[in-house]
């Protein structure tokens, strides 16, 4: 048994979770936020049999595209509250995926 933790952009979360559900995967969605851009993410928890883990990862890859966006930092990073924010182009989207072995799983 595997537990897949997939951290995805909020813009991609509805499509990827729908595709996973349509393919027979159980998905739990958690609202999370990233530490770098301080924007909302969705963390998906997917429990699956070992032989289906790669199928779930393929679905995540298909629906979580990376893209460029201009971001204005809202945190001061020690520069003080009056410091002007500097816009910078950053890559967003995609997914960070962790696959963990599960010793035991029970549905009650």
C-alpha atoms as a PDB file:
ATOM      1  CA  UNK A   1       0.000   0.000   0.000  1.00  0.00           C
ATOM      2  CA  UNK A   2       1.180   3.529  -0.818  1.00  0.00           C
ATOM      3  CA  UNK A   3       0.213   6.971   0.402  1.00  0.00           C
ATOM      4  CA  UNK A   4       0.816   9.679  -2.188  1.00  0.00           C
ATOM      5  CA  UNK A   5       1.099  13.256  -0.943  1.00  0.00           C
ATOM      6  CA  UNK A   6       0.801  15.629  -3.878  1.00  0.00           C
ATOM      7  CA  UNK A   7       1.165  19.370  -3.309  1.00  0.00           C
ATOM      8  CA  UNK A   8      -0.447  21.113  -6.266  1.00  0.00           C
ATOM      9  CA  UNK A   9      -1.371  24.661  -7.255  1.00  0.00           C
ATOM     10  CA  UNK A  10      -4.935  25.662  -6.359  1.00  0.00           C
ATOM     11  CA  UNK A  11      -5.554  26.412 -10.045  1.00  0.00           C
ATOM     12  CA  UNK A  12      -4.912  22.741 -10.903  1.00  0.00           C
ATOM     13  CA  UNK A  13      -6.463  21.019  -7.893  1.00  0.00           C
ATOM     14  CA  UNK A  14     -10.054  20.645  -9.129  1.00  0.00           C
ATOM     15  CA  UNK A  15      -9.035  19.119 -12.467  1.00  0.00           C
ATOM     16  CA  UNK A  16      -6.475  16.720 -11.027  1.00  0.00           C
ATOM     17  CA  UNK A  17      -8.692  15.549  -8.155  1.00  0.00           C
ATOM     18  CA  UNK A  18     -11.613  15.002 -10.565  1.00  0.00           C
ATOM     19  CA  UNK A  19      -9.390  12.988 -12.915  1.00  0.00           C
ATOM     20  CA  UNK A  20      -8.078  10.898 -10.022  1.00  0.00           C
ATOM     21  CA  UNK A  21     -11.605  10.238  -8.743  1.00  0.00           C
ATOM     22  CA  UNK A  22     -12.828   9.284 -12.225  1.00  0.00           C
ATOM     23  CA  UNK A  23      -9.953   6.771 -12.394  1.00  0.00           C
ATOM     24  CA  UNK A  24     -11.068   5.143  -9.152  1.00  0.00           C
ATOM     25  CA  UNK A  25      -8.672   6.770  -6.680  1.00  0.00           C
ATOM     26  CA  UNK A  26      -9.842   8.039  -3.322  1.00  0.00           C
ATOM     27  CA  UNK A  27      -8.647  11.606  -2.786  1.00  0.00           C
ATOM     28  CA  UNK A  28      -8.628  13.800   0.306  1.00  0.00           C
ATOM     29  CA  UNK A  29      -7.951  17.497  -0.267  1.00  0.00           C
ATOM     30  CA  UNK A  30      -6.264  19.729   2.295  1.00  0.00           C
ATOM     31  CA  UNK A  31      -5.933  23.503   1.933  1.00  0.00           C
ATOM     32  CA  UNK A  32      -2.273  24.425   2.440  1.00  0.00           C
ATOM     33  CA  UNK A  33       0.001  27.356   1.675  1.00  0.00           C
ATOM     34  CA  UNK A  34       3.548  27.466   0.402  1.00  0.00           C
ATOM     35  CA  UNK A  35       6.332  29.126   2.311  1.00  0.00           C
ATOM     36  CA  UNK A  36       8.102  30.771  -0.631  1.00  0.00           C
ATOM     37  CA  UNK A  37       5.317  32.539  -2.528  1.00  0.00           C
ATOM     38  CA  UNK A  38       2.894  32.524   0.419  1.00  0.00           C
ATOM     39  CA  UNK A  39       0.045  31.480  -1.881  1.00  0.00           C
ATOM     40  CA  UNK A  40      -2.570  28.785  -1.517  1.00  0.00           C
ATOM     41  CA  UNK A  41      -1.862  25.219  -2.514  1.00  0.00           C
ATOM     42  CA  UNK A  42      -3.843  22.051  -2.227  1.00  0.00           C
ATOM     43  CA  UNK A  43      -2.303  18.936  -0.737  1.00  0.00           C
ATOM     44  CA  UNK A  44      -3.901  15.750  -2.043  1.00  0.00           C
ATOM     45  CA  UNK A  45      -3.761  12.553   0.002  1.00  0.00           C
ATOM     46  CA  UNK A  46      -4.176   9.464  -2.148  1.00  0.00           C
ATOM     47  CA  UNK A  47      -4.089   5.957  -0.721  1.00  0.00           C
ATOM     48  CA  UNK A  48      -3.611   3.231  -3.315  1.00  0.00           C
ATOM     49  CA  UNK A  49      -2.268  -0.236  -3.974  1.00  0.00           C
ATOM     50  CA  UNK A  50       1.426  -0.404  -4.891  1.00  0.00           C
ATOM     51  CA  UNK A  51       0.780  -1.348  -8.527  1.00  0.00           C
ATOM     52  CA  UNK A  52      -1.528   1.685  -9.086  1.00  0.00           C
ATOM     53  CA  UNK A  53       0.791   4.360  -7.655  1.00  0.00           C
ATOM     54  CA  UNK A  54       2.453   5.141 -10.996  1.00  0.00           C
ATOM     55  CA  UNK A  55      -0.962   5.562 -12.642  1.00  0.00           C
ATOM     56  CA  UNK A  56      -1.932   8.178 -10.026  1.00  0.00           C
ATOM     57  CA  UNK A  57       1.375   9.999 -10.546  1.00  0.00           C
ATOM     58  CA  UNK A  58       0.811  10.031 -14.322  1.00  0.00           C
ATOM     59  CA  UNK A  59      -2.589  11.657 -13.813  1.00  0.00           C
ATOM     60  CA  UNK A  60      -1.085  14.282 -11.513  1.00  0.00           C
ATOM     61  CA  UNK A  61       1.629  15.043 -14.079  1.00  0.00           C
ATOM     62  CA  UNK A  62      -0.925  15.438 -16.861  1.00  0.00           C
ATOM     63  CA  UNK A  63      -3.051  17.991 -14.999  1.00  0.00           C
ATOM     64  CA  UNK A  64      -0.419  19.990 -13.082  1.00  0.00           C
ATOM     65  CA  UNK A  65       1.353  22.162 -15.626  1.00  0.00           C
ATOM     66  CA  UNK A  66       4.048  24.655 -14.714  1.00  0.00           C
ATOM     67  CA  UNK A  67       3.686  28.262 -15.819  1.00  0.00           C
ATOM     68  CA  UNK A  68       5.454  31.581 -15.352  1.00  0.00           C
ATOM     69  CA  UNK A  69       3.886  34.453 -13.469  1.00  0.00           C
ATOM     70  CA  UNK A  70       5.050  37.799 -12.173  1.00  0.00           C
ATOM     71  CA  UNK A  71       4.837  37.838  -8.415  1.00  0.00           C
ATOM     72  CA  UNK A  72       5.176  40.772  -6.058  1.00  0.00           C
ATOM     73  CA  UNK A  73       6.498  39.667  -2.715  1.00  0.00           C
ATOM     74  CA  UNK A  74       4.308  40.754   0.189  1.00  0.00           C
ATOM     75  CA  UNK A  75       6.772  39.721   2.858  1.00  0.00           C
ATOM     76  CA  UNK A  76       9.514  42.103   3.873  1.00  0.00           C
ATOM     77  CA  UNK A  77      12.264  39.477   4.395  1.00  0.00           C
ATOM     78  CA  UNK A  78      13.795  41.712   7.063  1.00  0.00           C
ATOM     79  CA  UNK A  79      13.714  44.869   4.918  1.00  0.00           C
ATOM     80  CA  UNK A  80      10.983  46.593   6.929  1.00  0.00           C
ATOM     81  CA  UNK A  81       7.341  47.194   6.227  1.00  0.00           C
ATOM     82  CA  UNK A  82       7.911  50.351   4.152  1.00  0.00           C
ATOM     83  CA  UNK A  83      10.245  48.663   1.672  1.00  0.00           C
ATOM     84  CA  UNK A  84       8.900  48.561  -1.881  1.00  0.00           C
ATOM     85  CA  UNK A  85       8.027  45.110  -3.162  1.00  0.00           C
ATOM     86  CA  UNK A  86      10.085  43.947  -6.104  1.00  0.00           C
ATOM     87  CA  UNK A  87       8.195  42.079  -8.837  1.00  0.00           C
ATOM     88  CA  UNK A  88       9.895  38.950 -10.081  1.00  0.00           C
ATOM     89  CA  UNK A  89       9.024  36.228 -12.549  1.00  0.00           C
ATOM     90  CA  UNK A  90       8.590  32.868 -10.880  1.00  0.00           C
ATOM     91  CA  UNK A  91       7.556  29.421 -12.027  1.00  0.00           C
ATOM     92  CA  UNK A  92       4.308  28.219 -10.467  1.00  0.00           C
ATOM     93  CA  UNK A  93       2.166  25.164 -10.821  1.00  0.00           C
ATOM     94  CA  UNK A  94       3.482  21.688 -11.253  1.00  0.00           C
ATOM     95  CA  UNK A  95       3.385  19.345  -8.311  1.00  0.00           C
ATOM     96  CA  UNK A  96       5.598  18.099  -5.522  1.00  0.00           C
ATOM     97  CA  UNK A  97       4.883  14.417  -4.973  1.00  0.00           C
ATOM     98  CA  UNK A  98       5.887  12.190  -2.073  1.00  0.00           C
ATOM     99  CA  UNK A  99       5.191   8.446  -2.143  1.00  0.00           C
ATOM    100  CA  UNK A 100       5.240   6.729   1.230  1.00  0.00           C
ATOM    101  CA  UNK A 101       4.981   3.074   2.151  1.00  0.00           C
ATOM    102  CA  UNK A 102       1.964   2.311   4.348  1.00  0.00           C
ATOM    103  CA  UNK A 103       2.271  -0.504   6.844  1.00  0.00           C
ATOM    104  CA  UNK A 104      -1.458  -0.707   7.531  1.00  0.00           C
ATOM    105  CA  UNK A 105      -4.637   0.960   6.313  1.00  0.00           C
ATOM    106  CA  UNK A 106      -8.174   0.467   7.570  1.00  0.00           C
ATOM    107  CA  UNK A 107     -11.467   1.954   6.453  1.00  0.00           C
ATOM    108  CA  UNK A 108     -13.990   1.984   9.256  1.00  0.00           C
END
